[in-house]
Protein backbone atom coordinates (compact mmCIF):
# COMPACT_ATOMS: atom_id res chain seq x y z
CA UNK A 1 70.35 73.46 144.58
CA UNK A 2 73.48 74.15 142.44
CA UNK A 3 74.77 77.72 143.56
CA UNK A 4 77.91 79.50 141.79
CA UNK A 5 79.45 81.86 143.90
CA UNK A 6 82.56 84.47 143.23
CA UNK A 7 83.81 87.48 144.91
CA UNK A 8 86.49 90.05 144.15
CA UNK A 9 89.39 90.80 146.74
CA UNK A 10 87.02 92.94 149.12
CA UNK A 11 84.45 89.96 149.19
CA UNK A 12 86.91 86.97 149.41
CA UNK A 13 86.66 86.38 153.62
CA UNK A 14 82.88 86.65 153.30
CA UNK A 15 82.76 84.16 150.27
CA UNK A 16 85.14 81.84 152.37
CA UNK A 17 82.44 81.93 155.32
CA UNK A 18 79.48 81.46 152.89
CA UNK A 19 80.69 78.27 151.15
CA UNK A 20 80.57 75.88 153.98
CA UNK A 21 77.48 77.59 155.18
CA UNK A 22 75.73 76.65 151.86
CA UNK A 23 76.98 73.17 151.78
CA UNK A 24 75.83 72.79 155.38
CA UNK A 25 72.55 73.48 154.25
CA UNK A 26 72.54 70.93 151.57
CA UNK A 27 73.69 73.06 148.33
CA UNK A 28 76.08 72.14 145.99
CA UNK A 29 78.38 74.99 145.43
CA UNK A 30 80.80 75.83 142.57
CA UNK A 31 83.38 78.41 143.61
CA UNK A 32 84.29 80.61 140.87
CA UNK A 33 87.03 82.51 142.54
CA UNK A 34 88.85 84.51 143.42
CA UNK A 35 91.11 82.65 145.88
CA UNK A 36 92.68 85.28 147.98
CA UNK A 37 92.71 88.72 148.77
CA UNK A 38 95.10 89.91 145.88
CA UNK A 39 93.34 92.87 144.03
CA UNK A 40 91.11 91.65 141.22
CA UNK A 41 88.63 93.11 138.84
CA UNK A 42 85.03 92.26 140.09
CA UNK A 43 83.42 92.49 136.52
CA UNK A 44 85.49 89.12 135.73
CA UNK A 45 84.15 87.41 138.72
CA UNK A 46 80.34 88.83 137.97
CA UNK A 47 80.49 87.62 134.40
CA UNK A 48 81.80 84.18 135.74
CA UNK A 49 78.64 83.82 138.17
CA UNK A 50 76.21 85.13 135.39
CA UNK A 51 77.60 82.69 132.67
CA UNK A 52 77.40 79.63 134.97
CA UNK A 53 73.71 80.70 135.64
CA UNK A 54 72.94 81.22 131.92
CA UNK A 55 74.67 78.10 130.94
CA UNK A 56 72.58 76.04 133.44
CA UNK A 57 75.69 74.96 135.58
CA UNK A 58 73.98 76.83 138.40
CA UNK A 59 70.46 77.26 139.30
CA UNK A 60 71.29 80.43 141.15
CA UNK A 61 74.53 82.61 141.94
CA UNK A 62 76.05 84.56 144.57
CA UNK A 63 78.47 87.67 143.87
CA UNK A 64 80.44 89.64 146.58
CA UNK A 65 82.38 92.59 146.26
CA UNK A 66 83.16 95.62 148.61
CA UNK A 67 79.65 97.50 148.33
CA UNK A 68 77.80 95.20 146.01
CA UNK A 69 77.32 98.07 143.62
CA UNK A 70 79.81 97.47 141.05
CA UNK A 71 79.27 93.85 140.93
CA UNK A 72 75.65 94.14 140.30
CA UNK A 73 76.11 96.76 137.68
CA UNK A 74 78.66 94.26 135.86
CA UNK A 75 76.31 91.13 136.27
CA UNK A 76 73.18 92.91 134.94
CA UNK A 77 75.26 93.38 131.70
CA UNK A 78 74.54 89.76 130.92
CA UNK A 79 71.44 89.49 128.99
CA UNK A 80 69.13 86.99 131.09
CA UNK A 81 70.86 88.05 134.26
CA UNK A 82 68.87 89.85 137.04
CA UNK A 83 71.17 90.53 139.79
CA UNK A 84 70.18 92.57 142.68
CA UNK A 85 72.23 93.85 145.59
CA UNK A 86 70.58 93.07 149.05
CA UNK A 87 71.24 94.27 152.38
CA UNK A 88 67.96 93.29 153.82
CA UNK A 89 66.04 89.90 153.81
CA UNK A 90 62.84 91.47 152.36
CA UNK A 91 64.74 92.43 149.19
CA UNK A 92 66.43 89.01 149.04
CA UNK A 93 63.32 87.02 148.93
CA UNK A 94 61.17 89.68 147.23
CA UNK A 95 63.64 89.76 144.41
CA UNK A 96 63.37 86.20 143.67
CA UNK A 97 59.31 86.14 144.09
CA UNK A 98 58.49 89.16 141.87
CA UNK A 99 61.48 89.83 139.73
CA UNK A 100 63.03 86.40 139.23
CA UNK A 101 66.22 87.65 140.45
CA UNK A 102 69.00 84.95 139.87
CA UNK A 103 72.02 86.49 141.13
CA UNK A 104 72.29 87.71 144.56
CA UNK A 105 74.90 90.23 145.18
CA UNK A 106 76.30 91.09 148.80
CA UNK A 107 78.49 93.86 149.76
CA UNK A 108 80.89 92.62 152.21
CA UNK A 109 82.04 95.91 153.66
CA UNK A 110 78.20 96.76 154.20
CA UNK A 111 76.94 93.74 155.95
CA UNK A 112 78.36 91.24 158.59
CA UNK A 113 78.34 87.51 158.05
CA UNK A 114 75.46 86.79 160.31
CA UNK A 115 73.23 89.09 158.07
CA UNK A 116 74.68 87.60 154.84
CA UNK A 117 73.72 84.06 156.34
CA UNK A 118 70.23 85.52 156.65
CA UNK A 119 70.08 87.23 153.32
CA UNK A 120 71.29 84.00 151.60
CA UNK A 121 68.63 81.77 153.39
CA UNK A 122 66.13 84.22 152.27
CA UNK A 123 67.16 84.24 148.75
CA UNK A 124 67.59 80.62 148.21
CA UNK A 125 64.22 79.88 150.09
CA UNK A 126 62.24 81.95 147.71
CA UNK A 127 60.64 81.02 144.45
CA UNK A 128 59.19 83.09 141.58
CA UNK A 129 55.39 83.52 142.21
CA UNK A 130 54.49 83.18 138.41
CA UNK A 131 51.89 85.77 138.98
CA UNK A 132 50.56 87.28 135.78
CA UNK A 133 51.59 90.72 136.61
CA UNK A 134 55.30 89.43 137.13
CA UNK A 135 55.37 87.21 134.35
CA UNK A 136 54.35 90.33 132.12
CA UNK A 137 57.07 92.36 133.72
CA UNK A 138 59.81 89.83 133.24
CA UNK A 139 58.67 89.68 129.44
CA UNK A 140 59.19 93.68 129.26
CA UNK A 141 62.66 93.28 130.79
CA UNK A 142 63.48 90.41 127.97
CA UNK A 143 62.15 93.02 125.53
CA UNK A 144 64.52 95.53 126.71
CA UNK A 145 67.56 93.35 126.66
CA UNK A 146 66.37 92.47 122.89
CA UNK A 147 65.65 95.99 121.90
CA UNK A 148 69.14 97.28 123.21
CA UNK A 149 71.17 94.46 123.37
CA UNK A 150 69.91 92.29 120.58
CA UNK A 151 69.49 89.51 122.93
CA UNK A 152 66.79 86.60 122.75
CA UNK A 153 65.21 85.48 125.85
CA UNK A 154 67.31 82.61 127.59
CA UNK A 155 65.99 79.14 126.77
CA UNK A 156 67.58 77.39 129.64
CA UNK A 157 69.05 78.28 132.91
CA UNK A 158 68.98 81.83 134.20
CA UNK A 159 66.98 80.69 137.27
CA UNK A 160 63.87 79.96 135.05
């Protein structure tokens, strides 16, 4: 699977540990920055991951900041992105299975490396269930994006 990954300065060290983990699992990884621990603004990196998914350059994205909260707020501003901050494995796989989550957000100051590995494994191992109730709910999310953002549902990418 093609994975886009990025972090702000607070998530840089965890991102540096996740990249070899991902490639070791056989995934192709596009590192969208940041390149060190110099302070940067998480919305810039959340947008980069979201755009990679929306443009079809990546099948899924991973974004890391200090708590995960700021990055998930920023990523979800992109119509077609369904980003979730997850600090437990149930949410990491259920978000994909039920909500078609396409960006996993992690809080580097909240979780350790081993838990991050478990979360990423659960997220990437999950597939959208395509049950009627979940398809109906995703359609309602797209309707909200169109109503409030003027955005049409994505035609490619976006983890679909």
